[in-house]
Amino acid sequence: MSDIDSVDIIDNGAAVAVRFGDGRRARFHAAWLRDNATDAATRSPGNGQRLVTLTDIPPDTTIERAEAGAETVSIRFAPDGKTVDFAAPYLIAGIYDRESDRAAGWVDGGIETWDGSLDAGLAVASFDAVREDRESLGRWLALVRRLGFAALSGGPIASGALCDVVALFGFVRETHYGRWFEVVSEVAPVNLAYTNAGLQAHTDNPYRDPVPTLQVLYCLRNSADGGDSLLVDGFRAAARLRDENPAWFDLLSSHCARFEYAGSPGVKLRARRPMIELAPDGELVAVRFNNRSAAPITDVPYDKMADYYRAYRRFAEVIDDPAMAVTLKLEPGECFIVDNTRVLHGRRAYSGAGTRHLQGCYADRDGLLSTLAAIEDQRGERFP
């Protein structure tokens, strides 16, 4: 329901209480309503950006009159006498009048965490389908939003084709590795990814701030024995640690780890972030885990360091648990994309016989989410 039952001025005009047709009741402050007014003088009709600053609004703004319509609330503000109509769906989307009883480590309702029991085949789409049909593209991008990864099959077997994947939703984020990088065996590699050794599941580039939020790995050749890709949901791993030992979860989320990379000439990258990163309200927003790039940890007090290392070890054990991993064997023309702030990726060791050649690149999640939101706005419905 998106209609209005009633509206009452409360607290001497400092706020209103709105009752909606579905029975919900929410209070809104005068300052919040005036700042979020939707009229053309306050927000640009073309792009929705504000045309006024907060200091343009009188600091003593109150609500002088409030009237309920069938689907809108009309508010007259004092002292400037401005009248603004607020649509019921807009107010419902902006409700902040609620009790917060969420435990640290909560995740958005649109996120589905998973372990090795997930059928990875459900997250695979056709390259031609997502390239040619916006609905198919939206469903594929929604998988990345919900699961933190998705895969494509049937792509061209051509160097640089991974950039065509990124172009479906955004732009390649170039780094010192270049626009993209080759994942092949090397005699004297600058990075262990360029060997045939197995790699523990990890997030990429934790030594950058901001970290690349998306990574694409694209297969060109894969005739080697082994080398299967492993995906682990870092959010599920963090939740498992929290459920087992809340104190250890708190240690990894309340103290910064340090990460470094200096494997290329002229490059010295450093970052300082928690392995489990929470927003101020406790939302789980990111996981950074990469043993190869870990620097000495110096931000944990002496009397907590021993327990920190116990928590660190247990987190690693959870991540390494085979029951946590989804396994993918990429064939030529196949790729996957991961949310690099959430999903860890690794690989099993592979033999020196045969050939394994992947290409990787980075992109940013905001472009993916923007494209997805535009598709959903056009269809008038959010993808599950």
Protein backbone atom coordinates (compact mmCIF):
# COMPACT_ATOMS: atom_id res chain seq x y z
CA MET A 1 0.00 0.00 0.00
CA SER A 2 1.28 3.48 -0.86
CA ASP A 3 -1.53 5.64 0.50
CA ILE A 4 -1.70 7.95 3.52
CA ASP A 5 -4.10 7.52 6.43
CA SER A 6 -3.19 10.55 8.52
CA VAL A 7 -0.50 13.06 9.44
CA ASP A 8 -0.07 14.91 12.73
CA ILE A 9 2.26 17.72 13.73
CA ILE A 10 4.20 16.76 16.87
CA ASP A 11 6.83 18.24 19.19
CA ASN A 12 5.64 21.82 18.59
CA GLY A 13 6.28 21.63 14.89
CA ALA A 14 9.68 19.97 15.10
CA ALA A 15 8.32 16.83 13.38
CA VAL A 16 5.30 15.06 11.93
CA ALA A 17 3.92 11.58 12.51
CA VAL A 18 2.61 9.88 9.37
CA ARG A 19 0.38 6.83 9.36
CA PHE A 20 0.38 4.85 6.14
CA GLY A 21 -2.33 2.68 4.66
CA ASP A 22 -0.50 -0.52 5.59
CA GLY A 23 -0.59 0.44 9.29
CA ARG A 24 2.97 1.66 9.61
CA ARG A 25 3.61 4.86 11.54
CA ALA A 26 6.79 6.91 11.14
CA ARG A 27 8.00 10.25 12.40
CA PHE A 28 9.97 12.71 10.27
CA HIS A 29 11.82 15.77 11.53
CA ALA A 30 11.19 19.16 9.96
CA ALA A 31 14.89 19.55 9.13
CA TRP A 32 14.95 16.16 7.39
CA LEU A 33 11.83 16.90 5.36
CA ARG A 34 12.99 20.35 4.30
CA ASP A 35 16.43 19.05 3.33
CA ASN A 36 14.88 16.20 1.33
CA ALA A 37 12.17 18.22 -0.38
CA THR A 38 11.49 17.01 -3.91
CA ASP A 39 10.22 20.24 -5.47
CA ALA A 40 11.95 21.68 -8.55
CA ALA A 41 13.40 24.61 -6.58
CA THR A 42 15.17 22.22 -4.19
CA ARG A 43 16.17 19.37 -6.50
CA SER A 44 16.92 19.36 -10.20
CA PRO A 45 14.09 17.61 -12.08
CA GLY A 46 16.66 16.27 -14.55
CA ASN A 47 19.18 14.56 -12.29
CA GLY A 48 17.73 14.78 -8.78
CA GLN A 49 20.69 16.68 -7.35
CA ARG A 50 20.14 19.32 -4.70
CA LEU A 51 20.01 22.93 -5.80
CA VAL A 52 20.37 24.31 -2.28
CA THR A 53 22.80 23.67 0.54
CA LEU A 54 21.84 22.91 4.11
CA THR A 55 22.96 26.39 5.16
CA ASP A 56 20.42 27.88 2.71
CA ILE A 57 17.66 26.39 4.88
CA PRO A 58 16.69 28.37 8.00
CA PRO A 59 18.15 26.67 11.09
CA ASP A 60 14.89 27.20 12.99
CA THR A 61 12.75 25.45 10.35
CA THR A 62 9.51 24.02 11.75
CA ILE A 63 6.33 22.55 10.32
CA GLU A 64 3.50 25.07 10.20
CA ARG A 65 0.86 22.96 8.49
CA ALA A 66 0.54 19.29 7.51
CA GLU A 67 -2.26 17.82 5.42
CA ALA A 68 -2.82 14.23 4.33
CA GLY A 69 -3.95 13.51 0.79
CA ALA A 70 -4.75 10.12 -0.66
CA GLU A 71 -1.17 9.48 -1.73
CA THR A 72 0.77 12.53 -0.55
CA VAL A 73 1.55 14.58 2.53
CA SER A 74 1.56 18.35 2.05
CA ILE A 75 3.91 20.19 4.40
CA ARG A 76 4.12 23.97 4.88
CA PHE A 77 7.37 25.05 6.52
CA ALA A 78 8.07 28.07 8.70
CA PRO A 79 9.64 30.59 8.70
CA ASP A 80 10.10 30.60 4.90
CA GLY A 81 6.51 29.61 4.11
CA LYS A 82 7.55 26.94 1.60
CA THR A 83 5.01 24.21 0.82
CA VAL A 84 6.16 20.79 -0.42
CA ASP A 85 4.17 17.68 -1.32
CA PHE A 86 5.79 14.37 -0.39
CA ALA A 87 4.63 11.18 -2.15
CA ALA A 88 3.90 8.22 0.10
CA PRO A 89 6.43 5.86 -1.61
CA TYR A 90 9.15 8.49 -1.18
CA LEU A 91 8.44 8.80 2.55
CA ILE A 92 8.22 5.03 2.99
CA ALA A 93 11.61 4.58 1.30
CA GLY A 94 13.07 7.21 3.63
CA ILE A 95 11.76 5.88 6.95
CA TYR A 96 14.45 6.15 9.63
CA ASP A 97 12.13 5.99 12.65
CA ARG A 98 12.86 2.43 13.76
CA GLU A 99 14.61 0.59 16.52
CA SER A 100 17.93 -0.98 15.64
CA ASP A 101 18.47 -4.37 17.24
CA ARG A 102 20.80 -5.74 14.57
CA ALA A 103 23.92 -7.48 15.77
CA ALA A 104 27.33 -6.46 14.50
CA GLY A 105 27.99 -8.13 11.16
CA TRP A 106 24.47 -7.82 9.75
CA VAL A 107 24.13 -7.73 5.96
CA ASP A 108 21.65 -6.07 3.65
CA GLY A 109 18.49 -8.03 2.98
CA GLY A 110 19.31 -8.26 -0.72
CA ILE A 111 22.50 -10.22 -0.02
CA GLU A 112 22.46 -14.02 0.07
CA THR A 113 25.44 -15.62 1.77
CA TRP A 114 26.50 -19.11 0.74
CA ASP A 115 28.97 -21.94 1.18
CA GLY A 116 30.13 -24.91 -0.88
CA SER A 117 26.62 -26.30 -1.14
CA LEU A 118 25.67 -23.54 -3.59
CA ASP A 119 25.09 -24.74 -7.14
CA ALA A 120 27.51 -22.49 -9.03
CA GLY A 121 25.76 -23.37 -12.27
CA LEU A 122 22.84 -21.18 -11.24
CA ALA A 123 25.10 -18.13 -11.52
CA VAL A 124 26.16 -18.78 -15.16
CA ALA A 125 24.75 -16.80 -18.08
CA SER A 126 25.43 -16.69 -21.81
CA PHE A 127 27.78 -13.98 -23.06
CA ASP A 128 25.63 -13.39 -26.15
CA ALA A 129 22.45 -13.17 -24.07
CA VAL A 130 23.73 -10.52 -21.66
CA ARG A 131 25.30 -8.55 -24.51
CA GLU A 132 22.16 -8.48 -26.64
CA ASP A 133 19.34 -8.32 -24.08
CA ARG A 134 19.07 -5.77 -21.25
CA GLU A 135 16.77 -8.00 -19.23
CA SER A 136 19.32 -10.83 -19.31
CA LEU A 137 22.11 -8.40 -18.44
CA GLY A 138 20.11 -7.12 -15.48
CA ARG A 139 19.51 -10.62 -14.16
CA TRP A 140 23.22 -11.40 -14.45
CA LEU A 141 24.28 -8.19 -12.69
CA ALA A 142 21.71 -8.87 -9.97
CA LEU A 143 23.50 -12.16 -9.27
CA VAL A 144 26.68 -10.21 -8.52
CA ARG A 145 24.73 -7.96 -6.16
CA ARG A 146 23.09 -10.90 -4.40
CA LEU A 147 25.81 -13.60 -4.41
CA GLY A 148 28.94 -11.52 -4.92
CA PHE A 149 29.87 -13.39 -8.10
CA ALA A 150 28.55 -14.55 -11.46
CA ALA A 151 29.97 -16.35 -14.50
CA LEU A 152 29.64 -16.12 -18.27
CA SER A 153 30.06 -18.80 -20.93
CA GLY A 154 30.35 -18.66 -24.67
CA GLY A 155 32.56 -15.59 -24.91
CA PRO A 156 35.14 -14.96 -27.62
CA ILE A 157 38.52 -16.62 -27.20
CA ALA A 158 40.51 -13.47 -27.80
CA SER A 159 43.03 -11.48 -25.84
CA GLY A 160 41.35 -8.54 -24.14
CA ALA A 161 37.84 -10.01 -24.36
CA LEU A 162 37.48 -9.49 -20.61
CA CYS A 163 37.32 -5.74 -21.28
CA ASP A 164 34.19 -6.40 -23.36
CA VAL A 165 32.68 -8.01 -20.26
CA VAL A 166 33.41 -4.92 -18.16
CA ALA A 167 32.03 -2.66 -20.91
CA LEU A 168 28.63 -4.28 -20.35
CA PHE A 169 28.29 -2.30 -17.12
CA GLY A 170 31.22 0.05 -16.55
CA PHE A 171 34.89 0.72 -17.04
CA VAL A 172 38.16 -1.09 -16.48
CA ARG A 173 40.13 0.19 -13.49
CA GLU A 174 43.73 0.33 -14.65
CA THR A 175 46.52 -0.38 -12.14
CA HIS A 176 50.28 -0.79 -12.27
CA TYR A 177 49.56 -4.28 -13.63
CA GLY A 178 48.12 -2.54 -16.71
CA ARG A 179 44.64 -2.46 -18.22
CA TRP A 180 44.62 -6.22 -17.74
CA PHE A 181 47.14 -8.80 -16.59
CA GLU A 182 48.11 -12.29 -17.75
CA VAL A 183 47.73 -15.23 -15.38
CA VAL A 184 50.27 -17.72 -16.74
CA SER A 185 53.30 -19.51 -15.36
CA GLU A 186 56.52 -17.47 -15.27
CA VAL A 187 60.08 -18.44 -14.35
CA ALA A 188 60.71 -15.42 -12.07
CA PRO A 189 57.24 -14.04 -11.34
CA VAL A 190 56.62 -10.66 -9.71
CA ASN A 191 53.46 -12.18 -8.18
CA LEU A 192 52.73 -15.74 -7.00
CA ALA A 193 49.58 -15.71 -9.13
CA TYR A 194 51.91 -16.21 -12.10
CA THR A 195 53.02 -19.70 -11.01
CA ASN A 196 51.33 -23.10 -11.13
CA ALA A 197 51.15 -23.29 -7.34
CA GLY A 198 47.84 -23.48 -5.53
CA LEU A 199 46.60 -20.20 -4.10
CA GLN A 200 44.71 -19.81 -0.83
CA ALA A 201 41.40 -18.06 -1.31
CA HIS A 202 42.01 -14.34 -0.98
CA THR A 203 40.80 -10.90 -1.94
CA ASP A 204 42.93 -9.05 -4.46
CA ASN A 205 44.99 -5.91 -3.91
CA PRO A 206 44.25 -5.35 -0.20
CA TYR A 207 47.27 -3.05 -0.26
CA ARG A 208 45.27 -0.47 -2.26
CA ASP A 209 42.96 2.09 -0.74
CA PRO A 210 40.43 2.14 -2.25
CA VAL A 211 40.65 -1.50 -3.18
CA PRO A 212 39.35 -2.56 -6.62
CA THR A 213 35.80 -3.64 -5.89
CA LEU A 214 35.34 -6.00 -8.84
CA GLN A 215 37.62 -8.50 -10.54
CA VAL A 216 37.11 -10.39 -13.78
CA LEU A 217 39.07 -13.57 -14.61
CA TYR A 218 38.73 -14.73 -18.22
CA CYS A 219 39.95 -18.05 -19.63
CA LEU A 220 41.76 -18.23 -22.98
CA ARG A 221 43.37 -21.67 -22.65
CA ASN A 222 43.08 -24.38 -20.03
CA SER A 223 44.43 -27.81 -20.90
CA ALA A 224 46.40 -28.23 -17.66
CA ASP A 225 45.48 -30.90 -15.14
CA GLY A 226 44.02 -29.10 -12.11
CA GLY A 227 43.93 -25.37 -11.61
CA ASP A 228 40.24 -25.26 -10.68
CA SER A 229 39.15 -21.86 -9.37
CA LEU A 230 37.83 -21.65 -5.81
CA LEU A 231 35.32 -19.08 -4.59
CA VAL A 232 34.57 -18.46 -0.91
CA ASP A 233 31.94 -16.10 0.46
CA GLY A 234 33.86 -13.89 2.90
CA PHE A 235 30.61 -12.66 4.42
CA ARG A 236 29.58 -16.21 5.27
CA ALA A 237 33.07 -16.89 6.66
CA ALA A 238 32.89 -13.76 8.84
CA ALA A 239 29.44 -14.74 10.10
CA ARG A 240 30.69 -18.22 10.94
CA LEU A 241 33.57 -16.75 12.96
CA ARG A 242 31.16 -14.41 14.75
CA ASP A 243 28.81 -17.27 15.63
CA GLU A 244 31.70 -19.40 16.91
CA ASN A 245 33.47 -16.69 18.88
CA PRO A 246 32.04 -13.14 19.00
CA ALA A 247 35.14 -11.84 20.80
CA TRP A 248 37.39 -13.00 17.96
CA PHE A 249 35.05 -11.42 15.41
CA ASP A 250 35.29 -8.16 17.36
CA LEU A 251 39.08 -8.31 17.36
CA LEU A 252 39.31 -8.68 13.58
CA SER A 253 36.69 -5.99 12.97
CA SER A 254 37.90 -3.41 15.49
CA HIS A 255 41.64 -3.43 14.73
CA CYS A 256 43.41 -2.70 11.47
CA ALA A 257 45.59 -5.15 9.65
CA ARG A 258 48.27 -3.88 7.29
CA PHE A 259 48.98 -4.90 3.71
CA GLU A 260 51.90 -4.11 1.40
CA TYR A 261 53.08 -4.76 -2.15
CA ALA A 262 56.44 -3.84 -3.64
CA GLY A 263 56.95 -6.50 -6.31
CA SER A 264 57.28 -4.15 -9.29
CA PRO A 265 59.90 -1.43 -9.91
CA GLY A 266 58.74 1.94 -8.65
CA VAL A 267 55.73 0.51 -6.83
CA LYS A 268 55.26 0.60 -3.04
CA LEU A 269 51.62 0.15 -2.07
CA ARG A 270 50.37 0.16 1.51
CA ALA A 271 46.95 0.06 3.13
CA ARG A 272 45.64 -0.17 6.68
CA ARG A 273 42.18 -1.67 7.10
CA PRO A 274 40.42 -4.30 9.23
CA MET A 275 40.21 -7.81 7.84
CA ILE A 276 36.49 -7.65 8.64
CA GLU A 277 35.18 -4.14 8.00
CA LEU A 278 31.95 -2.87 9.54
CA ALA A 279 29.99 0.33 8.99
CA PRO A 280 29.35 2.46 12.10
CA ASP A 281 25.95 0.78 12.53
CA GLY A 282 27.50 -2.70 12.43
CA GLU A 283 26.76 -3.59 8.81
CA LEU A 284 29.33 -5.95 7.31
CA VAL A 285 30.69 -4.03 4.32
CA ALA A 286 33.98 -5.67 3.36
CA VAL A 287 36.44 -8.48 3.96
CA ARG A 288 40.16 -8.14 3.21
CA PHE A 289 42.17 -11.32 3.44
CA ASN A 290 45.43 -12.01 1.63
CA ASN A 291 48.19 -13.80 3.50
CA ARG A 292 50.72 -13.18 0.71
CA SER A 293 50.32 -9.41 1.02
CA ALA A 294 49.99 -9.16 4.80
CA ALA A 295 52.45 -6.77 6.46
CA PRO A 296 53.42 -6.83 10.15
CA ILE A 297 50.37 -5.98 12.24
CA THR A 298 51.18 -3.04 14.51
CA ASP A 299 47.76 -1.63 15.41
CA VAL A 300 46.74 -4.23 17.96
CA PRO A 301 47.69 -3.58 21.61
CA TYR A 302 50.18 -5.95 23.21
CA ASP A 303 47.63 -7.43 25.60
CA LYS A 304 45.29 -8.30 22.70
CA MET A 305 47.81 -9.52 20.12
CA ALA A 306 47.85 -13.17 21.18
CA ASP A 307 44.07 -13.40 20.94
CA TYR A 308 44.13 -11.44 17.68
CA TYR A 309 46.38 -14.09 16.16
CA ARG A 310 44.09 -16.84 17.44
CA ALA A 311 41.20 -15.06 15.72
CA TYR A 312 43.26 -14.55 12.56
CA ARG A 313 44.21 -18.24 12.46
CA ARG A 314 40.62 -19.36 12.99
CA PHE A 315 39.38 -17.02 10.25
CA ALA A 316 41.95 -18.56 7.91
CA GLU A 317 40.83 -22.06 8.89
CA VAL A 318 37.22 -21.19 8.12
CA ILE A 319 38.20 -19.77 4.74
CA ASP A 320 40.28 -22.88 3.98
CA ASP A 321 37.49 -25.28 4.97
CA PRO A 322 36.60 -27.22 1.78
CA ALA A 323 32.94 -27.03 2.77
CA MET A 324 33.07 -23.25 2.26
CA ALA A 325 34.30 -23.28 -1.35
CA VAL A 326 32.48 -23.36 -4.66
CA THR A 327 34.69 -24.82 -7.42
CA LEU A 328 34.72 -23.64 -11.03
CA LYS A 329 36.71 -25.14 -13.90
CA LEU A 330 36.94 -22.39 -16.48
CA GLU A 331 37.01 -23.41 -20.13
CA PRO A 332 38.17 -21.16 -22.98
CA GLY A 333 35.66 -18.35 -23.49
CA GLU A 334 34.37 -18.57 -19.91
CA CYS A 335 34.89 -16.04 -17.15
CA PHE A 336 33.68 -15.06 -13.73
CA ILE A 337 33.34 -11.76 -11.94
CA VAL A 338 33.68 -11.40 -8.18
CA ASP A 339 32.88 -8.64 -5.72
CA ASN A 340 36.42 -8.20 -4.43
CA THR A 341 35.19 -6.67 -1.17
CA ARG A 342 33.31 -9.85 -0.32
CA VAL A 343 34.14 -12.99 -2.31
CA LEU A 344 37.59 -14.55 -2.00
CA HIS A 345 39.02 -16.46 -4.94
CA GLY A 346 41.84 -18.98 -5.18
CA ARG A 347 42.86 -22.01 -7.19
CA ARG A 348 44.06 -25.53 -6.88
CA ALA A 349 47.60 -26.33 -8.01
CA TYR A 350 47.96 -27.49 -11.58
CA SER A 351 50.50 -29.59 -13.44
CA GLY A 352 53.28 -28.23 -15.59
CA ALA A 353 51.89 -30.18 -18.54
CA GLY A 354 49.35 -28.51 -20.78
CA THR A 355 48.59 -24.80 -20.88
CA ARG A 356 46.64 -22.54 -18.54
CA HIS A 357 46.21 -18.94 -19.65
CA LEU A 358 43.78 -16.58 -17.99
CA GLN A 359 43.52 -12.80 -18.16
CA GLY A 360 42.35 -10.66 -15.27
CA CYS A 361 41.28 -7.07 -14.82
CA TYR A 362 39.62 -4.84 -12.25
CA ALA A 363 36.53 -2.67 -12.34
CA ASP A 364 34.37 -0.78 -9.87
CA ARG A 365 31.12 -1.93 -8.33
CA ASP A 366 29.46 1.47 -8.51
CA GLY A 367 29.31 1.19 -12.30
CA LEU A 368 27.76 -2.27 -12.08
CA LEU A 369 25.18 -1.16 -9.52
CA SER A 370 24.40 1.97 -11.53
CA THR A 371 23.74 -0.04 -14.68
CA LEU A 372 21.64 -2.51 -12.72
CA ALA A 373 19.60 0.28 -11.10
CA ALA A 374 18.95 1.89 -14.49
CA ILE A 375 17.71 -1.43 -15.90
CA GLU A 376 15.48 -1.98 -12.87
CA ASP A 377 14.06 1.54 -13.12
CA GLN A 378 13.20 0.92 -16.76
CA ARG A 379 11.49 -2.38 -16.02
CA GLY A 380 9.77 -0.93 -12.93
CA GLU A 381 10.78 -3.82 -10.71
CA ARG A 382 13.84 -4.95 -8.82
CA PHE A 383 15.46 -8.26 -9.74
CA PRO A 384 15.56 -10.80 -6.90
